[in-house]
Amino acid sequence: RLEFLGDSVLDYIVTMRLYHTYPGMSPGLLTDLRSASVNNDCYSQSAVKAGLHQHILHASSELHRHITATVHQFEQLSLESTYGWESETSFPKVLGDVIESLAGAIFVDSGYNKETVFRSIGPLLEPMVTPETVRIHPVRELTELCQKKHYNMKKPFPSCDNGVKSITVEVEANGIVYKEACSAADKDMAKRLACKAVLKSLKEGISRTPRGSHM
């Protein structure tokens, strides 16, 4: 229940903060900023940086392995590589739930004071995404690029092997095929990584105007 409440409170607080911080900003860019700020990845990173994962009570060996592996991967990354959608680590949802639950608890204990929630949770969410650091979600960026350039993007093809989700993304641009398959703990992360890889290949291919196919 606290997670449910905190999720809505944080969404509202971040939305209002962005609205007042950047007057005159287009709705599209405001949406990009909010999407990059209010999501499980950002909350999970905040929980790990604050060491809150050490206080989660559970009896699941699988969850323990996932959290341990995630924290280890996170510690190997630089701050820049975990900013916004740049993270390539799949965070267990429970980590983000902790931040949302804390926000919900503070909201209730403070007499439903949204400013108190932000003063308490805000420091955990730093550094906040800004117009200079925001990155468009790779799935959206690739989709919009294909629409703009009239590239043929096939429907992402999912597969599963021993519980590991894999997504194949394929784009044909100017007669050249760009195809990448990526695996992750969940299909959304696999799709994000595959689209990110195809985007990188597309941009490099466009700059080189290659004559072959990229596989």
Protein backbone atom coordinates (compact mmCIF):
# COMPACT_ATOMS: atom_id res chain seq x y z
CA ARG A 1 0.00 0.00 0.00
CA LEU A 2 2.84 2.41 0.82
CA GLU A 3 4.54 1.60 -2.48
CA PHE A 4 1.27 2.31 -4.32
CA LEU A 5 0.94 5.66 -2.55
CA GLY A 6 4.61 6.63 -2.87
CA ASP A 7 4.65 5.88 -6.59
CA SER A 8 1.91 8.44 -7.22
CA VAL A 9 3.37 11.02 -4.83
CA LEU A 10 6.84 10.88 -6.41
CA ASP A 11 5.37 11.11 -9.90
CA TYR A 12 3.43 14.23 -8.91
CA ILE A 13 6.34 15.84 -7.07
CA VAL A 14 8.82 15.32 -9.90
CA THR A 15 6.27 16.50 -12.47
CA MET A 16 5.61 19.74 -10.56
CA ARG A 17 9.31 20.32 -9.93
CA LEU A 18 10.12 19.98 -13.64
CA TYR A 19 7.17 22.19 -14.59
CA HIS A 20 8.31 25.03 -12.32
CA THR A 21 12.05 24.58 -12.86
CA TYR A 22 11.83 24.80 -16.65
CA PRO A 23 9.13 27.37 -17.56
CA GLY A 24 8.47 27.51 -21.26
CA MET A 25 9.88 24.03 -21.92
CA SER A 26 7.93 22.00 -24.47
CA PRO A 27 5.62 19.23 -23.22
CA GLY A 28 7.65 16.71 -25.21
CA LEU A 29 10.93 17.50 -23.45
CA LEU A 30 9.18 17.68 -20.08
CA THR A 31 7.85 14.19 -20.74
CA ASP A 32 11.34 12.95 -21.62
CA LEU A 33 12.73 14.42 -18.40
CA ARG A 34 9.98 12.89 -16.29
CA SER A 35 10.29 9.48 -17.95
CA ALA A 36 14.03 9.46 -17.29
CA SER A 37 13.50 10.56 -13.66
CA VAL A 38 10.46 8.53 -12.57
CA ASN A 39 11.16 4.87 -13.29
CA ASN A 40 12.27 1.71 -11.53
CA ASP A 41 15.87 1.99 -12.74
CA CYS A 42 16.39 5.43 -11.20
CA TYR A 43 14.73 4.44 -7.95
CA SER A 44 16.69 1.18 -7.80
CA GLN A 45 19.98 2.99 -8.37
CA SER A 46 19.08 5.35 -5.54
CA ALA A 47 18.32 2.42 -3.24
CA VAL A 48 21.63 0.73 -4.02
CA LYS A 49 23.66 3.94 -3.64
CA ALA A 50 22.05 4.50 -0.23
CA GLY A 51 22.68 0.88 0.79
CA LEU A 52 18.98 0.24 1.36
CA HIS A 53 19.20 -3.16 -0.36
CA GLN A 54 20.93 -4.46 2.77
CA HIS A 55 17.76 -3.97 4.81
CA ILE A 56 15.24 -5.81 2.61
CA LEU A 57 13.73 -8.76 4.49
CA HIS A 58 12.85 -11.74 2.30
CA ALA A 59 13.17 -15.52 2.11
CA SER A 60 13.90 -15.88 -1.60
CA SER A 61 17.28 -17.29 -2.61
CA GLU A 62 16.59 -16.26 -6.21
CA LEU A 63 15.92 -12.65 -5.19
CA HIS A 64 19.06 -12.68 -3.04
CA ARG A 65 21.15 -13.83 -6.02
CA HIS A 66 19.57 -11.21 -8.28
CA ILE A 67 20.16 -8.38 -5.82
CA THR A 68 23.75 -9.48 -5.13
CA ALA A 69 24.57 -9.75 -8.84
CA THR A 70 22.91 -6.41 -9.56
CA VAL A 71 24.79 -4.60 -6.80
CA HIS A 72 28.09 -6.10 -7.99
CA GLN A 73 27.44 -4.96 -11.57
CA PHE A 74 26.36 -1.53 -10.40
CA GLU A 75 29.55 -1.04 -8.40
CA GLN A 76 31.63 -1.67 -11.53
CA LEU A 77 29.94 1.13 -13.47
CA SER A 78 30.75 4.82 -13.59
CA LEU A 79 28.09 7.39 -12.70
CA GLU A 80 27.83 8.44 -16.35
CA SER A 81 27.02 4.90 -17.48
CA THR A 82 24.14 4.59 -15.02
CA TYR A 83 22.52 7.91 -15.87
CA GLY A 84 18.97 7.90 -17.21
CA TRP A 85 18.45 5.15 -19.76
CA GLU A 86 22.20 4.49 -20.13
CA SER A 87 22.17 1.78 -17.48
CA GLU A 88 22.69 -1.72 -18.84
CA THR A 89 21.95 -3.33 -15.49
CA SER A 90 18.57 -4.96 -14.90
CA PHE A 91 17.43 -3.98 -11.41
CA PRO A 92 15.03 -6.16 -9.37
CA LYS A 93 11.74 -4.29 -9.03
CA VAL A 94 11.85 -4.63 -5.26
CA LEU A 95 14.75 -2.14 -5.10
CA GLY A 96 12.65 0.59 -6.71
CA ASP A 97 9.70 -0.43 -4.53
CA VAL A 98 11.76 0.43 -1.44
CA ILE A 99 12.16 4.07 -2.52
CA GLU A 100 8.45 4.33 -3.38
CA SER A 101 7.47 2.77 -0.04
CA LEU A 102 9.71 5.20 1.84
CA ALA A 103 8.09 8.10 0.02
CA GLY A 104 4.64 6.76 0.89
CA ALA A 105 5.55 6.31 4.56
CA ILE A 106 7.03 9.81 4.82
CA PHE A 107 3.95 11.24 3.09
CA VAL A 108 1.64 9.63 5.67
CA ASP A 109 3.83 10.43 8.70
CA SER A 110 4.24 14.07 7.65
CA GLY A 111 0.50 14.62 7.51
CA TYR A 112 0.45 14.26 3.72
CA ASN A 113 3.01 17.00 3.12
CA LYS A 114 4.50 16.68 -0.38
CA GLU A 115 7.34 19.13 0.33
CA THR A 116 8.50 17.01 3.26
CA VAL A 117 8.58 13.99 0.98
CA PHE A 118 10.74 15.78 -1.57
CA ARG A 119 13.14 17.15 1.07
CA SER A 120 13.58 13.61 2.38
CA ILE A 121 13.67 11.60 -0.85
CA GLY A 122 15.14 14.24 -3.18
CA PRO A 123 18.75 13.80 -1.98
CA LEU A 124 18.49 10.06 -2.66
CA LEU A 125 17.52 10.77 -6.28
CA GLU A 126 20.49 13.04 -6.98
CA PRO A 127 21.88 13.74 -9.46
CA MET A 128 18.56 14.57 -11.11
CA VAL A 129 18.32 14.36 -14.89
CA THR A 130 18.55 17.75 -16.64
CA PRO A 131 17.89 18.91 -20.23
CA GLU A 132 21.66 18.64 -20.79
CA THR A 133 21.96 15.06 -19.52
CA VAL A 134 18.64 13.52 -20.51
CA ARG A 135 18.76 10.69 -23.01
CA ILE A 136 15.78 9.58 -25.09
CA HIS A 137 14.76 6.00 -24.40
CA PRO A 138 16.51 3.83 -27.06
CA VAL A 139 13.26 2.13 -28.11
CA ARG A 140 11.57 5.44 -28.74
CA GLU A 141 14.65 6.97 -30.39
CA LEU A 142 14.99 4.06 -32.82
CA THR A 143 11.26 4.04 -33.62
CA GLU A 144 11.22 7.79 -34.33
CA LEU A 145 14.39 7.57 -36.44
CA CYS A 146 12.87 4.80 -38.56
CA GLN A 147 9.67 6.79 -39.04
CA LYS A 148 11.55 9.94 -39.96
CA LYS A 149 13.94 8.24 -42.39
CA HIS A 150 11.36 5.71 -43.65
CA TYR A 151 13.50 2.76 -42.56
CA ASN A 152 11.86 -0.65 -42.30
CA MET A 153 11.84 -1.78 -38.68
CA LYS A 154 10.59 -5.31 -38.15
CA LYS A 155 8.60 -6.22 -35.07
CA PRO A 156 11.04 -7.15 -32.27
CA PHE A 157 11.32 -10.95 -31.99
CA PRO A 158 11.38 -12.37 -28.43
CA SER A 159 12.78 -15.71 -27.32
CA CYS A 160 13.58 -17.37 -24.00
CA ASP A 161 16.33 -19.83 -23.08
CA ASN A 162 16.56 -21.20 -19.51
CA GLY A 163 14.66 -18.21 -18.14
CA VAL A 164 16.85 -15.65 -19.91
CA LYS A 165 14.84 -13.29 -22.10
CA SER A 166 16.28 -12.40 -25.51
CA ILE A 167 15.02 -9.84 -28.03
CA THR A 168 16.09 -9.50 -31.67
CA VAL A 169 15.70 -6.10 -33.32
CA GLU A 170 16.16 -5.72 -37.08
CA VAL A 171 16.12 -2.58 -39.22
CA GLU A 172 16.64 -2.26 -42.96
CA ALA A 173 18.03 1.15 -43.91
CA ASN A 174 18.90 2.03 -47.49
CA GLY A 175 19.22 -1.62 -48.44
CA ILE A 176 21.44 -2.46 -45.47
CA VAL A 177 20.30 -4.74 -42.64
CA TYR A 178 21.15 -3.84 -39.06
CA LYS A 179 20.32 -6.70 -36.72
CA GLU A 180 21.11 -7.17 -33.03
CA ALA A 181 20.01 -9.76 -30.45
CA CYS A 182 20.43 -9.01 -26.75
CA SER A 183 19.66 -10.98 -23.60
CA ALA A 184 18.72 -9.74 -20.13
CA ALA A 185 16.84 -10.77 -17.01
CA ASP A 186 13.65 -9.17 -18.37
CA LYS A 187 12.33 -8.51 -21.86
CA ASP A 188 12.14 -4.72 -21.46
CA MET A 189 15.85 -4.49 -20.70
CA ALA A 190 16.67 -6.91 -23.54
CA LYS A 191 14.65 -4.78 -25.96
CA ARG A 192 16.30 -1.60 -24.72
CA LEU A 193 19.79 -3.05 -25.17
CA ALA A 194 18.98 -4.44 -28.63
CA CYS A 195 17.55 -1.10 -29.81
CA LYS A 196 20.54 0.73 -28.33
CA ALA A 197 22.92 -1.58 -30.23
CA VAL A 198 21.03 -1.12 -33.50
CA LEU A 199 21.01 2.65 -33.02
CA LYS A 200 24.78 2.64 -32.52
CA SER A 201 25.29 0.54 -35.65
CA LEU A 202 22.91 2.72 -37.64
CA LYS A 203 24.65 5.94 -36.63
CA GLU A 204 28.08 4.49 -37.36
CA GLY A 205 26.83 3.05 -40.65
CA ILE A 206 25.30 6.34 -41.74
CA SER A 207 28.51 8.19 -40.99
CA ARG A 208 30.56 5.64 -42.95
CA THR A 209 27.93 5.01 -45.69
CA PRO A 210 28.82 1.28 -45.70
CA ARG A 211 28.17 -1.06 -48.60
CA GLY A 212 27.61 -4.31 -46.71
CA SER A 213 25.21 -5.62 -44.14
CA HIS A 214 25.73 -5.33 -40.42
CA MET A 215 24.73 -8.47 -38.51
